Amino acid sequence: MIPTELYLVLEIDEKAGGKSSAALDAALSAAPFASVLITAPAGQILPVPLANSIVELLQSKNIAALIADDANLARQLRADGVHLSWS
């Protein structure tokens, strides 16, 4: 039997700042996530420094970090991939 792998969608914005790191760490410890999609709220831009720290955290835990809708940013942050939305 193939084990179930979870995919987390993580919406971040400037207001989250460093406040959410403990909550994210707790969430990542709760289940075996295979990958996390990092996205911004609708109409907002992903805060690059925060996204970068999250990518580094995920990769340190062997969790694939995906960036929503921005291949250039995914490349800049050395994320594991990009998720392109269908419009």
Protein backbone atom coordinates (compact mmCIF):
# COMPACT_ATOMS: atom_id res chain seq x y z
CA MET A 1 0.00 0.00 0.00
CA ILE A 2 1.29 3.47 -0.92
CA PRO A 3 1.26 5.87 2.04
CA THR A 4 -0.86 8.99 1.77
CA GLU A 5 1.11 12.18 1.18
CA LEU A 6 -0.38 15.51 2.13
CA TYR A 7 -0.16 18.83 0.29
CA LEU A 8 -0.53 21.99 2.38
CA VAL A 9 -1.60 25.35 0.94
CA LEU A 10 -0.02 28.12 3.01
CA GLU A 11 -1.32 31.65 2.44
CA ILE A 12 1.06 34.30 3.76
CA ASP A 13 1.14 38.09 3.79
CA GLU A 14 3.19 40.88 5.38
CA LYS A 15 0.98 40.87 8.51
CA ALA A 16 1.97 37.29 9.28
CA GLY A 17 5.62 38.23 9.66
CA GLY A 18 7.49 36.00 12.09
CA LYS A 19 4.41 35.44 14.24
CA SER A 20 3.36 32.37 12.31
CA SER A 21 6.62 30.42 12.46
CA ALA A 22 5.68 28.55 15.65
CA ALA A 23 2.24 27.75 14.24
CA LEU A 24 3.78 26.56 10.97
CA ASP A 25 6.30 24.41 12.81
CA ALA A 26 3.46 22.86 14.82
CA ALA A 27 1.41 22.20 11.68
CA LEU A 28 4.37 20.59 9.92
CA SER A 29 4.90 18.31 12.91
CA ALA A 30 1.26 17.22 12.92
CA ALA A 31 1.38 15.21 9.71
CA PRO A 32 3.83 13.99 7.06
CA PHE A 33 3.54 16.69 4.37
CA ALA A 34 5.08 15.95 0.99
CA SER A 35 4.84 19.51 -0.25
CA VAL A 36 3.63 22.99 0.64
CA LEU A 37 2.27 25.58 -1.77
CA ILE A 38 3.23 29.10 -0.66
CA THR A 39 0.75 31.68 -1.90
CA ALA A 40 -0.38 35.23 -1.19
CA PRO A 41 -3.96 36.31 -0.48
CA ALA A 42 -5.92 37.25 -3.60
CA GLY A 43 -4.73 40.53 -5.08
CA GLN A 44 -1.57 40.68 -2.95
CA ILE A 45 2.09 40.01 -3.68
CA LEU A 46 4.03 37.32 -1.88
CA PRO A 47 6.42 38.88 0.67
CA VAL A 48 9.79 37.67 -0.61
CA PRO A 49 11.79 37.64 2.68
CA LEU A 50 9.06 35.69 4.48
CA ALA A 51 8.59 33.31 1.55
CA ASN A 52 12.35 32.72 1.44
CA SER A 53 12.50 31.79 5.13
CA ILE A 54 9.56 29.41 4.68
CA VAL A 55 11.20 27.76 1.65
CA GLU A 56 14.37 27.23 3.70
CA LEU A 57 12.39 25.82 6.64
CA LEU A 58 10.47 23.40 4.42
CA GLN A 59 13.56 22.21 2.59
CA SER A 60 15.36 21.63 5.89
CA LYS A 61 12.51 19.24 6.76
CA ASN A 62 12.64 17.50 3.34
CA ILE A 63 9.30 19.00 2.32
CA ALA A 64 8.99 20.31 -1.23
CA ALA A 65 8.35 24.06 -1.36
CA LEU A 66 6.21 25.31 -4.25
CA ILE A 67 5.56 28.95 -5.13
CA ALA A 68 2.18 29.95 -6.54
CA ASP A 69 2.04 31.51 -10.00
CA ASP A 70 5.53 33.02 -10.19
CA ALA A 71 8.20 30.90 -11.88
CA ASN A 72 10.81 33.66 -11.63
CA LEU A 73 10.30 33.98 -7.88
CA ALA A 74 10.40 30.20 -7.48
CA ARG A 75 13.75 30.21 -9.29
CA GLN A 76 15.04 33.16 -7.23
CA LEU A 77 14.10 31.46 -3.94
CA ARG A 78 15.41 28.09 -5.16
CA ALA A 79 12.02 26.57 -4.44
CA ASP A 80 11.35 23.02 -5.54
CA GLY A 81 8.73 24.05 -8.05
CA VAL A 82 5.96 26.37 -9.10
CA HIS A 83 2.19 25.86 -9.16
CA LEU A 84 0.56 27.64 -12.09
CA SER A 85 -3.13 28.37 -11.62
CA TRP A 86 -5.56 27.72 -14.41
CA SER A 87 -7.50 30.80 -15.47
